[in-house]
N, C-alpha and C. Protein backbone atom coordinates (compact mmCIF):
# COMPACT_ATOMS: atom_id res chain seq x y z
N UNK A 1 -37.74 55.94 35.65
CA UNK A 1 -37.42 56.37 37.06
C UNK A 1 -36.59 55.66 38.03
N UNK A 2 -35.44 55.89 38.74
CA UNK A 2 -34.84 55.03 39.74
C UNK A 2 -35.15 54.80 40.72
N UNK A 3 -36.26 55.99 40.95
CA UNK A 3 -37.05 55.94 42.70
C UNK A 3 -37.87 55.39 42.73
N UNK A 4 -38.70 54.54 41.69
CA UNK A 4 -39.52 53.48 42.04
C UNK A 4 -38.62 52.08 42.14
N UNK A 5 -37.85 52.04 41.70
CA UNK A 5 -37.07 51.22 42.56
C UNK A 5 -36.45 50.95 43.89
N UNK A 6 -36.09 52.17 43.57
CA UNK A 6 -35.61 52.57 45.73
C UNK A 6 -35.91 51.71 46.57
N UNK A 7 -35.57 51.17 47.62
CA UNK A 7 -36.16 50.33 48.61
C UNK A 7 -36.55 51.56 49.20
N UNK A 8 -35.85 52.78 49.22
CA UNK A 8 -36.34 52.87 50.68
C UNK A 8 -37.64 54.60 50.02
N UNK A 9 -37.35 54.13 49.13
CA UNK A 9 -39.04 55.13 48.09
C UNK A 9 -40.96 53.62 48.83
N UNK A 10 -39.95 52.12 48.54
CA UNK A 10 -41.02 51.50 48.55
C UNK A 10 -41.46 51.46 50.18
N UNK A 11 -40.70 51.92 50.82
CA UNK A 11 -41.29 51.79 52.52
C UNK A 11 -41.37 52.80 53.00
N UNK A 12 -41.77 54.58 51.90
CA UNK A 12 -42.60 54.95 52.43
C UNK A 12 -43.64 54.77 52.36
N UNK A 13 -44.90 55.52 53.56
CA UNK A 13 -46.09 55.37 53.72
C UNK A 13 -46.92 56.15 53.22
N UNK A 14 -48.53 56.00 53.27
CA UNK A 14 -48.72 57.43 52.20
C UNK A 14 -48.80 58.65 53.48
N UNK A 15 -49.13 58.16 54.12
CA UNK A 15 -49.09 59.64 55.69
C UNK A 15 -47.95 60.09 55.37
N UNK A 16 -47.06 59.33 54.77
CA UNK A 16 -45.78 60.78 54.77
C UNK A 16 -44.78 60.45 53.79
N UNK A 17 -45.15 60.11 52.65
CA UNK A 17 -44.63 59.92 51.50
C UNK A 17 -43.41 60.32 51.06
N UNK A 18 -43.78 61.88 51.34
CA UNK A 18 -42.23 62.74 51.26
C UNK A 18 -41.49 62.77 52.21
N UNK A 19 -41.54 62.40 53.60
CA UNK A 19 -41.14 63.02 54.73
C UNK A 19 -40.28 61.50 55.15
N UNK A 20 -39.55 60.77 55.29
CA UNK A 20 -40.03 59.38 55.73
C UNK A 20 -39.69 59.67 57.33
N UNK A 21 -38.64 60.83 58.01
CA UNK A 21 -38.18 61.00 58.95
C UNK A 21 -39.81 61.51 59.86
N UNK A 22 -41.12 61.58 59.35
CA UNK A 22 -41.90 61.73 59.93
C UNK A 22 -42.40 60.58 60.41
N UNK A 23 -42.81 60.77 61.92
CA UNK A 23 -43.03 59.31 62.77
C UNK A 23 -44.86 58.38 62.46
N UNK A 24 -44.53 57.72 62.27
CA UNK A 24 -45.80 56.58 61.81
C UNK A 24 -46.40 56.14 62.55
N UNK A 25 -47.40 56.50 62.99
CA UNK A 25 -48.62 55.87 64.99
C UNK A 25 -48.46 54.81 64.39
N UNK A 26 -47.92 53.62 64.86
CA UNK A 26 -48.74 52.51 65.06
C UNK A 26 -49.36 52.15 66.57
N UNK A 27 -50.51 51.44 66.04
CA UNK A 27 -51.60 51.10 66.93
C UNK A 27 -50.27 49.34 67.49
N UNK A 28 -50.79 49.56 68.93
CA UNK A 28 -50.31 48.12 69.72
C UNK A 28 -51.43 47.55 69.16
N UNK A 29 -50.76 45.87 68.94
CA UNK A 29 -51.59 44.69 68.60
C UNK A 29 -52.36 44.57 70.06
N UNK A 30 -53.54 44.07 69.47
CA UNK A 30 -54.85 44.04 70.46
C UNK A 30 -55.00 42.77 70.92
N UNK A 31 -53.36 42.63 71.89
CA UNK A 31 -53.93 40.82 72.21
C UNK A 31 -54.81 41.68 73.85
N UNK A 32 -54.53 41.99 74.43
CA UNK A 32 -55.26 42.85 75.66
C UNK A 32 -55.79 43.63 75.58
N UNK A 33 -56.91 43.98 76.45
CA UNK A 33 -57.45 45.25 76.31
C UNK A 33 -56.79 45.73 77.50
N UNK A 34 -56.41 47.68 77.85
CA UNK A 34 -56.08 48.47 79.32
C UNK A 34 -56.84 47.53 80.85
N UNK A 35 -58.08 47.56 80.13
CA UNK A 35 -58.47 46.80 81.49
C UNK A 35 -58.79 45.96 82.07
N UNK A 36 -58.31 45.03 81.46
CA UNK A 36 -58.30 43.31 81.43
C UNK A 36 -59.30 42.29 80.95
N UNK A 37 -60.49 43.23 80.28
CA UNK A 37 -61.22 42.77 79.76
C UNK A 37 -60.99 42.59 78.78
N UNK A 38 -61.99 41.72 77.85
CA UNK A 38 -61.71 41.77 76.36
C UNK A 38 -62.84 42.17 75.84
N UNK A 39 -63.53 42.37 74.96
CA UNK A 39 -64.52 43.25 74.23
C UNK A 39 -65.90 42.46 73.94
N UNK A 40 -66.12 42.73 73.92
CA UNK A 40 -67.72 41.34 73.80
C UNK A 40 -67.33 40.92 71.93
N UNK A 41 -67.01 39.46 71.50
CA UNK A 41 -67.29 39.52 70.52
C UNK A 41 -68.60 38.62 69.67
N UNK A 42 -68.86 38.38 70.09
CA UNK A 42 -70.17 37.58 69.67
C UNK A 42 -71.10 38.66 69.43
N UNK A 43 -72.02 38.51 68.31
CA UNK A 43 -73.09 38.94 68.37
C UNK A 43 -74.91 39.61 69.35
N UNK A 44 -74.19 38.43 70.02
CA UNK A 44 -75.14 38.73 71.27
C UNK A 44 -74.70 39.17 72.21
N UNK A 45 -73.24 38.78 72.41
CA UNK A 45 -72.38 39.76 73.90
C UNK A 45 -72.71 41.71 73.07
N UNK A 46 -71.98 41.87 71.96
CA UNK A 46 -72.26 43.04 71.40
C UNK A 46 -73.95 43.95 71.94
N UNK A 47 -74.35 42.98 71.36
CA UNK A 47 -75.71 43.47 71.37
C UNK A 47 -76.51 43.62 73.11
N UNK A 48 -75.87 42.98 74.29
CA UNK A 48 -76.26 42.71 75.57
C UNK A 48 -75.74 44.24 75.81
N UNK A 49 -73.85 44.11 75.40
CA UNK A 49 -73.51 45.65 76.28
C UNK A 49 -74.56 47.25 75.33
N UNK A 50 -75.18 46.65 73.92
CA UNK A 50 -75.43 47.74 73.42
C UNK A 50 -76.94 48.19 73.90
N UNK A 51 -77.76 47.22 74.98
CA UNK A 51 -78.90 47.37 75.11
C UNK A 51 -78.36 48.10 76.95
N UNK A 52 -77.60 47.15 77.52
CA UNK A 52 -77.20 47.98 78.71
C UNK A 52 -76.68 49.19 78.82
N UNK A 53 -76.51 50.01 77.28
CA UNK A 53 -76.43 51.42 77.80
C UNK A 53 -77.64 52.26 77.52
N UNK A 54 -78.59 51.04 77.39
CA UNK A 54 -80.18 52.10 77.44
C UNK A 54 -80.97 51.51 78.61
N UNK A 55 -80.65 50.72 78.61
CA UNK A 55 -82.15 50.42 79.90
C UNK A 55 -81.34 49.69 81.15
N UNK A 56 -82.23 49.61 81.44
CA UNK A 56 -81.53 49.78 82.99
C UNK A 56 -81.77 48.51 83.75
N UNK A 57 -83.35 47.84 83.35
CA UNK A 57 -83.92 46.60 83.41
C UNK A 57 -84.27 45.70 82.51
N UNK A 58 -84.00 44.30 82.74
CA UNK A 58 -84.46 43.20 81.78
C UNK A 58 -83.43 42.88 80.85
N UNK A 59 -82.55 43.75 80.92
CA UNK A 59 -81.67 43.54 79.48
C UNK A 59 -81.15 42.21 79.20
N UNK A 60 -81.29 41.21 79.95
CA UNK A 60 -81.33 40.16 78.93
C UNK A 60 -82.14 39.09 78.42
N UNK A 61 -83.24 39.58 78.87
CA UNK A 61 -84.83 39.46 78.30
C UNK A 61 -85.03 40.13 76.74
N UNK A 62 -84.54 41.48 77.04
CA UNK A 62 -84.63 42.01 75.99
C UNK A 62 -83.50 42.07 74.98
N UNK A 63 -82.40 41.35 74.92
CA UNK A 63 -81.23 40.64 73.84
C UNK A 63 -81.91 40.10 73.42
N UNK A 64 -82.62 38.83 74.39
CA UNK A 64 -83.22 37.58 73.48
C UNK A 64 -83.85 37.94 72.59
N UNK A 65 -84.98 38.93 72.85
CA UNK A 65 -86.01 38.91 71.74
C UNK A 65 -85.36 39.52 70.96
N UNK A 66 -84.58 40.60 70.86
CA UNK A 66 -83.60 41.64 69.61
C UNK A 66 -83.09 40.18 68.94
N UNK A 67 -82.26 38.92 69.86
CA UNK A 67 -81.95 38.33 68.73
C UNK A 67 -82.72 37.80 67.89
N UNK A 68 -83.84 37.13 67.68
CA UNK A 68 -84.75 36.85 66.86
C UNK A 68 -85.06 37.36 65.59
N UNK A 69 -85.19 38.88 64.61
CA UNK A 69 -85.48 39.09 63.84
C UNK A 69 -84.10 38.72 63.16
N UNK A 70 -84.03 38.58 61.80
CA UNK A 70 -82.90 38.45 61.21
C UNK A 70 -82.21 38.88 61.07
N UNK A 71 -80.67 38.53 60.86
CA UNK A 71 -79.15 38.50 60.87
C UNK A 71 -78.66 40.67 60.37
N UNK A 72 -79.70 40.84 58.73
CA UNK A 72 -79.15 41.83 59.31
C UNK A 72 -80.11 42.93 59.62
N UNK A 73 -81.37 43.24 60.14
CA UNK A 73 -82.01 43.61 61.19
C UNK A 73 -80.79 43.90 62.28
N UNK A 74 -80.91 42.87 62.65
CA UNK A 74 -80.29 43.06 64.53
C UNK A 74 -78.87 44.05 64.24
N UNK A 75 -78.02 43.86 62.79
CA UNK A 75 -76.68 44.36 62.30
C UNK A 75 -77.13 45.76 62.62
N UNK A 76 -78.16 46.08 61.61
CA UNK A 76 -78.69 47.23 61.28
C UNK A 76 -78.50 48.32 63.13
N UNK A 77 -79.86 47.48 64.09
CA UNK A 77 -79.59 47.69 65.34
C UNK A 77 -78.45 48.19 66.18
N UNK A 78 -77.50 47.34 65.46
CA UNK A 78 -75.76 47.28 66.24
C UNK A 78 -75.21 49.06 65.85
N UNK A 79 -75.27 49.13 64.55
CA UNK A 79 -74.76 50.16 63.82
C UNK A 79 -75.08 51.65 63.80
N UNK A 80 -76.87 51.39 64.13
CA UNK A 80 -77.42 53.08 63.99
C UNK A 80 -78.10 52.54 65.56
N UNK A 81 -78.63 53.67 66.80
CA UNK A 81 -78.41 53.76 67.74
C UNK A 81 -80.24 54.12 67.47
N UNK A 82 -80.25 55.17 66.54
CA UNK A 82 -81.79 55.70 66.50
C UNK A 82 -82.57 53.94 66.25
N UNK A 83 -82.00 52.74 64.86
CA UNK A 83 -83.00 51.78 65.13
C UNK A 83 -83.12 50.63 66.23
N UNK A 84 -81.72 50.55 66.98
CA UNK A 84 -81.73 50.27 68.37
C UNK A 84 -82.96 50.73 69.07
N UNK A 85 -83.25 51.93 69.32
CA UNK A 85 -84.09 52.57 70.27
C UNK A 85 -85.34 51.63 69.43
N UNK A 86 -85.85 52.40 68.26
CA UNK A 86 -86.90 51.65 67.96
C UNK A 86 -87.33 50.35 68.35
N UNK A 87 -85.95 49.20 68.15
CA UNK A 87 -86.38 47.85 68.73
C UNK A 87 -86.63 47.67 70.16
N UNK A 88 -85.42 47.87 70.66
CA UNK A 88 -85.90 47.99 72.27
C UNK A 88 -87.47 48.36 72.53
N UNK A 89 -87.98 49.43 72.03
CA UNK A 89 -89.38 50.08 72.17
C UNK A 89 -90.31 49.12 72.03
N UNK A 90 -90.14 48.12 70.76
CA UNK A 90 -91.07 46.78 70.35
C UNK A 90 -90.69 45.67 71.34
N UNK A 91 -89.35 45.79 71.94
CA UNK A 91 -89.25 44.66 72.56
C UNK A 91 -90.05 44.70 73.47
N UNK A 92 -89.73 45.81 74.20
CA UNK A 92 -90.44 46.12 75.51
C UNK A 92 -91.60 45.96 75.80
N UNK A 93 -92.88 46.45 74.69
CA UNK A 93 -94.29 47.07 74.63
C UNK A 93 -94.50 44.86 74.63
N UNK A 94 -93.74 43.94 73.83
CA UNK A 94 -93.83 42.33 73.60
C UNK A 94 -93.51 41.83 75.00
N UNK A 95 -92.42 42.60 75.93
CA UNK A 95 -92.41 41.69 77.19
C UNK A 95 -93.61 42.19 77.87
N UNK A 96 -94.23 43.76 77.54
CA UNK A 96 -95.34 43.93 78.78
C UNK A 96 -96.56 43.51 78.55
N UNK A 97 -96.76 43.32 77.34
CA UNK A 97 -98.07 42.77 77.40
C UNK A 97 -98.20 41.17 77.42
N UNK A 98 -96.60 40.65 77.25
CA UNK A 98 -96.70 39.14 78.08
C UNK A 98 -97.31 39.13 79.75
N UNK A 99 -96.25 40.01 80.36
CA UNK A 99 -96.92 40.02 81.67
C UNK A 99 -98.07 41.16 81.98
N UNK A 100 -98.91 41.45 81.12
CA UNK A 100 -100.13 42.19 81.50
C UNK A 100 -101.40 40.54 81.31
N UNK A 101 -100.43 39.77 80.32
CA UNK A 101 -101.51 38.40 79.82
C UNK A 101 -101.50 37.15 81.18
N UNK A 102 -100.38 37.48 81.41
CA UNK A 102 -99.45 36.63 83.01
C UNK A 102 -100.38 37.10 84.11
N UNK A 103 -100.50 38.47 84.16
CA UNK A 103 -101.34 38.94 85.20
C UNK A 103 -103.22 38.82 84.95
N UNK A 104 -103.46 38.78 83.79
CA UNK A 104 -104.63 38.66 83.32
C UNK A 104 -105.08 37.27 83.47
N UNK A 105 -104.85 36.58 83.47
CA UNK A 105 -104.49 35.07 83.84
C UNK A 105 -104.33 34.86 85.58
N UNK A 106 -104.01 35.61 86.06
CA UNK A 106 -103.52 34.86 87.28
C UNK A 106 -105.40 35.55 88.10
N UNK A 107 -105.86 36.97 88.05
CA UNK A 107 -106.75 37.86 88.10
C UNK A 107 -107.64 37.02 87.87
N UNK A 108 -108.12 36.32 86.72
CA UNK A 108 -108.72 35.62 86.01
C UNK A 108 -108.57 34.46 87.17
N UNK A 109 -107.84 33.94 87.31
CA UNK A 109 -108.44 32.15 88.27
C UNK A 109 -108.73 32.86 89.51
N UNK A 110 -108.12 33.53 90.08
CA UNK A 110 -108.04 34.31 91.47
C UNK A 110 -109.51 34.58 91.79
N UNK A 111 -110.11 35.79 90.56
CA UNK A 111 -111.11 36.16 90.80
C UNK A 111 -112.88 34.85 90.15
N UNK A 112 -111.92 34.27 89.69
CA UNK A 112 -113.57 32.99 89.44
C UNK A 112 -113.53 32.63 90.71
N UNK A 113 -112.61 32.05 91.82
CA UNK A 113 -112.11 31.61 92.91
C UNK A 113 -113.16 32.40 94.23
N UNK A 114 -112.69 33.51 94.46
CA UNK A 114 -112.79 35.22 95.17
C UNK A 114 -114.22 35.28 94.65
N UNK A 115 -115.02 35.27 93.85
CA UNK A 115 -116.02 36.02 93.02
C UNK A 115 -117.30 35.79 94.24
N UNK A 116 -118.18 36.70 94.94
CA UNK A 116 -119.07 37.21 95.85
C UNK A 116 -120.26 36.00 95.09
N UNK A 117 -120.80 35.32 95.84
CA UNK A 117 -122.17 34.33 95.08
C UNK A 117 -123.12 35.53 94.77
N UNK A 118 -123.89 35.15 93.97
CA UNK A 118 -125.24 35.70 93.59
C UNK A 118 -126.05 35.90 95.25
N UNK A 119 -126.64 37.45 94.71
CA UNK A 119 -127.71 37.24 96.30
C UNK A 119 -129.04 35.43 96.19
N UNK A 120 -129.34 34.85 97.18
CA UNK A 120 -130.49 34.46 96.92
C UNK A 120 -131.26 34.57 97.23
N UNK A 121 -132.10 36.21 97.73
CA UNK A 121 -133.02 36.92 97.83
C UNK A 121 -132.98 37.74 96.11
N UNK A 122 -134.21 37.47 96.29
CA UNK A 122 -134.50 37.94 94.38
C UNK A 122 -134.60 39.71 94.73
N UNK A 123 -133.77 39.97 93.58
CA UNK A 123 -134.22 41.84 93.98
C UNK A 123 -135.10 42.13 92.54
N UNK A 124 -135.89 43.31 93.06
CA UNK A 124 -136.77 43.53 92.29
C UNK A 124 -136.13 45.23 91.23
N UNK A 125 -136.40 45.09 90.16
CA UNK A 125 -136.58 46.83 90.15
C UNK A 125 -137.90 48.01 90.74
N UNK A 126 -137.12 49.05 91.13
CA UNK A 126 -137.92 50.42 91.61
C UNK A 126 -139.14 50.14 90.86
N UNK A 127 -140.27 50.22 91.03
CA UNK A 127 -141.41 50.67 90.24
C UNK A 127 -141.33 52.45 89.82
N UNK A 128 -141.90 53.21 89.40
CA UNK A 128 -142.10 54.89 88.90
C UNK A 128 -143.19 54.50 89.40
């Protein structure tokens, strides 16, 4: 078949093999984005961007915690929003428990300093 060696046949694309006059969509080169900002490239940046979409506070702390699991688990969080939500819930529990421990330590030190002294007068229970 002489069409196999025809240069016009070789130049046709899979989207329009029979119709060379059909316009083929060509995406512009990705040298810059329209807004002027580059999309996040590192895994940490992509994870931070995903966390920013779901959380309003403590995004950096949450991202740091989410970077600690193995790469496979981090990748699953980036590709599946439900996995990321579950990981975020776990990370928030960890952060909240850390806060609770710090608050508990503060209240323990304050309570020992400001705890009332036991009464010097002995208290006897009521007799029946």
